[in-house]
Amino acid sequence: RIMPGAIGFWFAVLLAANAAGAQGFLARRGWALAATPRWSMLRLPRLYAVVPLVAAVVWLLVPVGADTVTLSVFMVTLLPVFLAGLAAVHRHSQGKPARSALLVGFYVGLVLLFLPAMAAVTAFGFWDQWGRRGASSGGMT
């Protein structure tokens, strides 16, 4: 049941990495049409919080066995929030002593504790984007 969603998730990650690599390539040569964004400052639109919620409700309403597509859509809609969680980890680690060691430990933990760590980073992304008091309203990407 999870395999199609995982394939879609990793395909979306691959597309994001390809886009970042292409932007870096174009920026180094002076061919970029827009300035390279600081990924650690990623903000999702305020209304995006509803998208994974709707996908989760639809997935939960579909009978087990026929829910492969809805589970896949739910997982793929969580990708921007996961990436926002990664951006938040980098932003919150700025200025900390031994930042490099902290990030290395974080990514090792992300690899070793794959599913629980991804869920935690996604939850952190939700909190950082929409749960903090005084957080900006989003809308910037």
C-alpha atoms as a PDB file:
ATOM      1  CA  ARG A   1       0.000   0.000   0.000  1.00  0.00           C
ATOM      2  CA  ILE A   2       2.784   2.423   0.787  1.00  0.00           C
ATOM      3  CA  MET A   3       5.041   1.715  -2.208  1.00  0.00           C
ATOM      4  CA  PRO A   4       3.222   3.933  -4.771  1.00  0.00           C
ATOM      5  CA  GLY A   5       3.178   6.809  -2.286  1.00  0.00           C
ATOM      6  CA  ALA A   6       6.833   6.309  -1.475  1.00  0.00           C
ATOM      7  CA  ILE A   7       7.702   6.306  -5.176  1.00  0.00           C
ATOM      8  CA  GLY A   8       5.698   9.509  -5.671  1.00  0.00           C
ATOM      9  CA  PHE A   9       7.321  11.064  -2.608  1.00  0.00           C
ATOM     10  CA  TRP A  10      10.848  10.268  -3.766  1.00  0.00           C
ATOM     11  CA  PHE A  11      10.014  11.417  -7.297  1.00  0.00           C
ATOM     12  CA  ALA A  12       8.895  14.761  -5.854  1.00  0.00           C
ATOM     13  CA  VAL A  13      12.121  14.949  -3.808  1.00  0.00           C
ATOM     14  CA  LEU A  14      14.097  14.180  -6.962  1.00  0.00           C
ATOM     15  CA  LEU A  15      12.286  16.961  -8.844  1.00  0.00           C
ATOM     16  CA  ALA A  16      12.979  19.438  -6.023  1.00  0.00           C
ATOM     17  CA  ALA A  17      16.672  18.472  -5.958  1.00  0.00           C
ATOM     18  CA  ASN A  18      16.847  18.757  -9.749  1.00  0.00           C
ATOM     19  CA  ALA A  19      15.256  22.223  -9.610  1.00  0.00           C
ATOM     20  CA  ALA A  20      17.701  23.351  -6.921  1.00  0.00           C
ATOM     21  CA  GLY A  21      20.640  22.005  -8.928  1.00  0.00           C
ATOM     22  CA  ALA A  22      19.427  23.687 -12.113  1.00  0.00           C
ATOM     23  CA  GLN A  23      18.944  26.991 -10.288  1.00  0.00           C
ATOM     24  CA  GLY A  24      22.468  26.768  -8.875  1.00  0.00           C
ATOM     25  CA  PHE A  25      23.890  25.946 -12.308  1.00  0.00           C
ATOM     26  CA  LEU A  26      22.095  28.882 -13.933  1.00  0.00           C
ATOM     27  CA  ALA A  27      22.958  31.279 -11.096  1.00  0.00           C
ATOM     28  CA  ARG A  28      26.690  30.447 -11.282  1.00  0.00           C
ATOM     29  CA  ARG A  29      26.687  31.314 -14.974  1.00  0.00           C
ATOM     30  CA  GLY A  30      24.579  34.443 -14.559  1.00  0.00           C
ATOM     31  CA  TRP A  31      21.719  32.982 -16.589  1.00  0.00           C
ATOM     32  CA  ALA A  32      19.148  32.719 -13.785  1.00  0.00           C
ATOM     33  CA  LEU A  33      15.966  34.684 -14.363  1.00  0.00           C
ATOM     34  CA  ALA A  34      15.367  35.075 -10.616  1.00  0.00           C
ATOM     35  CA  ALA A  35      17.598  35.265  -7.557  1.00  0.00           C
ATOM     36  CA  THR A  36      18.246  31.981  -5.753  1.00  0.00           C
ATOM     37  CA  PRO A  37      15.963  31.799  -2.712  1.00  0.00           C
ATOM     38  CA  ARG A  38      17.286  31.066   0.756  1.00  0.00           C
ATOM     39  CA  TRP A  39      15.687  27.678   1.354  1.00  0.00           C
ATOM     40  CA  SER A  40      15.983  28.093   5.122  1.00  0.00           C
ATOM     41  CA  MET A  41      13.486  30.968   4.865  1.00  0.00           C
ATOM     42  CA  LEU A  42      10.834  28.829   3.155  1.00  0.00           C
ATOM     43  CA  ARG A  43       7.269  29.850   4.005  1.00  0.00           C
ATOM     44  CA  LEU A  44       4.251  27.979   2.686  1.00  0.00           C
ATOM     45  CA  PRO A  45       0.977  29.753   1.900  1.00  0.00           C
ATOM     46  CA  ARG A  46      -1.397  29.820   4.859  1.00  0.00           C
ATOM     47  CA  LEU A  47      -4.061  27.847   3.003  1.00  0.00           C
ATOM     48  CA  TYR A  48      -1.649  25.000   2.216  1.00  0.00           C
ATOM     49  CA  ALA A  49      -2.230  23.627   5.732  1.00  0.00           C
ATOM     50  CA  VAL A  50      -5.683  22.539   4.564  1.00  0.00           C
ATOM     51  CA  VAL A  51      -4.392  20.477   1.615  1.00  0.00           C
ATOM     52  CA  PRO A  52      -2.796  17.599   3.607  1.00  0.00           C
ATOM     53  CA  LEU A  53      -5.734  17.690   6.007  1.00  0.00           C
ATOM     54  CA  VAL A  54      -8.241  17.201   3.164  1.00  0.00           C
ATOM     55  CA  ALA A  55      -6.032  14.477   1.639  1.00  0.00           C
ATOM     56  CA  ALA A  56      -5.883  12.702   5.020  1.00  0.00           C
ATOM     57  CA  VAL A  57      -9.667  12.832   5.458  1.00  0.00           C
ATOM     58  CA  VAL A  58     -10.236  11.461   1.942  1.00  0.00           C
ATOM     59  CA  TRP A  59      -7.689   8.693   2.573  1.00  0.00           C
ATOM     60  CA  LEU A  60      -9.379   7.739   5.851  1.00  0.00           C
ATOM     61  CA  LEU A  61     -12.826   7.652   4.206  1.00  0.00           C
ATOM     62  CA  VAL A  62     -11.800   5.290   1.396  1.00  0.00           C
ATOM     63  CA  PRO A  63     -12.121   1.569   2.220  1.00  0.00           C
ATOM     64  CA  VAL A  64      -8.927  -0.343   2.991  1.00  0.00           C
ATOM     65  CA  GLY A  65      -7.590  -1.997  -0.138  1.00  0.00           C
ATOM     66  CA  ALA A  66      -8.863   0.754  -2.427  1.00  0.00           C
ATOM     67  CA  ASP A  67      -6.904   3.480  -0.707  1.00  0.00           C
ATOM     68  CA  THR A  68      -3.575   3.241  -2.555  1.00  0.00           C
ATOM     69  CA  VAL A  69      -4.105   6.361  -4.627  1.00  0.00           C
ATOM     70  CA  THR A  70      -5.492   8.422  -1.765  1.00  0.00           C
ATOM     71  CA  LEU A  71      -2.620   7.365   0.525  1.00  0.00           C
ATOM     72  CA  SER A  72      -0.157   8.329  -2.210  1.00  0.00           C
ATOM     73  CA  VAL A  73      -1.771  11.735  -2.645  1.00  0.00           C
ATOM     74  CA  PHE A  74      -1.706  12.265   1.120  1.00  0.00           C
ATOM     75  CA  MET A  75       1.996  11.386   1.328  1.00  0.00           C
ATOM     76  CA  VAL A  76       2.917  13.639  -1.593  1.00  0.00           C
ATOM     77  CA  THR A  77       0.971  16.567  -0.115  1.00  0.00           C
ATOM     78  CA  LEU A  78       3.102  16.217   3.021  1.00  0.00           C
ATOM     79  CA  LEU A  79       6.351  16.728   1.062  1.00  0.00           C
ATOM     80  CA  PRO A  80       6.308  20.566   1.127  1.00  0.00           C
ATOM     81  CA  VAL A  81       5.664  20.468   4.877  1.00  0.00           C
ATOM     82  CA  PHE A  82       8.540  18.010   5.337  1.00  0.00           C
ATOM     83  CA  LEU A  83      10.835  20.313   3.351  1.00  0.00           C
ATOM     84  CA  ALA A  84       9.607  23.242   5.456  1.00  0.00           C
ATOM     85  CA  GLY A  85      10.556  21.194   8.532  1.00  0.00           C
ATOM     86  CA  LEU A  86      14.055  20.675   7.139  1.00  0.00           C
ATOM     87  CA  ALA A  87      14.294  24.400   6.441  1.00  0.00           C
ATOM     88  CA  ALA A  88      13.176  25.116  10.002  1.00  0.00           C
ATOM     89  CA  VAL A  89      15.840  22.797  11.415  1.00  0.00           C
ATOM     90  CA  HIS A  90      18.491  24.681   9.454  1.00  0.00           C
ATOM     91  CA  ARG A  91      17.068  28.071  10.453  1.00  0.00           C
ATOM     92  CA  HIS A  92      16.859  27.160  14.143  1.00  0.00           C
ATOM     93  CA  SER A  93      20.412  25.789  14.111  1.00  0.00           C
ATOM     94  CA  GLN A  94      21.909  29.053  12.803  1.00  0.00           C
ATOM     95  CA  GLY A  95      24.252  30.648  15.306  1.00  0.00           C
ATOM     96  CA  LYS A  96      24.454  27.560  17.507  1.00  0.00           C
ATOM     97  CA  PRO A  97      27.875  26.305  18.546  1.00  0.00           C
ATOM     98  CA  ALA A  98      28.846  23.127  16.690  1.00  0.00           C
ATOM     99  CA  ARG A  99      26.097  23.686  14.122  1.00  0.00           C
ATOM    100  CA  SER A 100      27.774  21.309  11.670  1.00  0.00           C
ATOM    101  CA  ALA A 101      27.888  18.487  14.214  1.00  0.00           C
ATOM    102  CA  LEU A 102      24.274  19.166  15.137  1.00  0.00           C
ATOM    103  CA  LEU A 103      23.140  18.956  11.503  1.00  0.00           C
ATOM    104  CA  VAL A 104      25.230  15.848  10.827  1.00  0.00           C
ATOM    105  CA  GLY A 105      23.637  14.170  13.846  1.00  0.00           C
ATOM    106  CA  PHE A 106      20.215  15.280  12.677  1.00  0.00           C
ATOM    107  CA  TYR A 107      20.670  13.829   9.183  1.00  0.00           C
ATOM    108  CA  VAL A 108      22.170  10.580  10.533  1.00  0.00           C
ATOM    109  CA  GLY A 109      19.123  10.273  12.770  1.00  0.00           C
ATOM    110  CA  LEU A 110      16.881  11.017   9.808  1.00  0.00           C
ATOM    111  CA  VAL A 111      18.455   8.135   7.874  1.00  0.00           C
ATOM    112  CA  LEU A 112      18.554   5.665  10.782  1.00  0.00           C
ATOM    113  CA  LEU A 113      15.079   6.416  12.134  1.00  0.00           C
ATOM    114  CA  PHE A 114      13.540   6.993   8.720  1.00  0.00           C
ATOM    115  CA  LEU A 115       9.750   6.898   9.252  1.00  0.00           C
ATOM    116  CA  PRO A 116       9.560   8.250  12.818  1.00  0.00           C
ATOM    117  CA  ALA A 117      12.109  10.943  11.990  1.00  0.00           C
ATOM    118  CA  MET A 118      10.228  11.959   8.832  1.00  0.00           C
ATOM    119  CA  ALA A 119       7.003  12.179  10.823  1.00  0.00           C
ATOM    120  CA  ALA A 120       8.732  14.299  13.471  1.00  0.00           C
ATOM    121  CA  VAL A 121      10.287  16.644  10.880  1.00  0.00           C
ATOM    122  CA  THR A 122       6.918  16.983   9.143  1.00  0.00           C
ATOM    123  CA  ALA A 123       5.241  17.775  12.468  1.00  0.00           C
ATOM    124  CA  PHE A 124       7.980  20.337  13.151  1.00  0.00           C
ATOM    125  CA  GLY A 125       7.302  21.801   9.706  1.00  0.00           C
ATOM    126  CA  PHE A 126       3.607  22.168  10.545  1.00  0.00           C
ATOM    127  CA  TRP A 127       4.434  23.777  13.881  1.00  0.00           C
ATOM    128  CA  ASP A 128       7.026  26.108  12.386  1.00  0.00           C
ATOM    129  CA  GLN A 129       4.782  27.186   9.527  1.00  0.00           C
ATOM    130  CA  TRP A 130       1.434  27.549  11.234  1.00  0.00           C
ATOM    131  CA  GLY A 131       1.690  26.797  14.962  1.00  0.00           C
ATOM    132  CA  ARG A 132       4.171  29.322  16.306  1.00  0.00           C
ATOM    133  CA  ARG A 133       2.890  32.464  17.945  1.00  0.00           C
ATOM    134  CA  GLY A 134       4.026  35.501  16.042  1.00  0.00           C
ATOM    135  CA  ALA A 135       4.871  33.445  12.951  1.00  0.00           C
ATOM    136  CA  SER A 136       4.645  35.267   9.681  1.00  0.00           C
ATOM    137  CA  SER A 137       1.501  34.617   7.709  1.00  0.00           C
ATOM    138  CA  GLY A 138       3.267  32.618   5.033  1.00  0.00           C
ATOM    139  CA  GLY A 139       2.799  33.205   1.372  1.00  0.00           C
ATOM    140  CA  MET A 140       6.503  33.649   0.574  1.00  0.00           C
ATOM    141  CA  THR A 141       8.264  30.759  -1.084  1.00  0.00           C
END
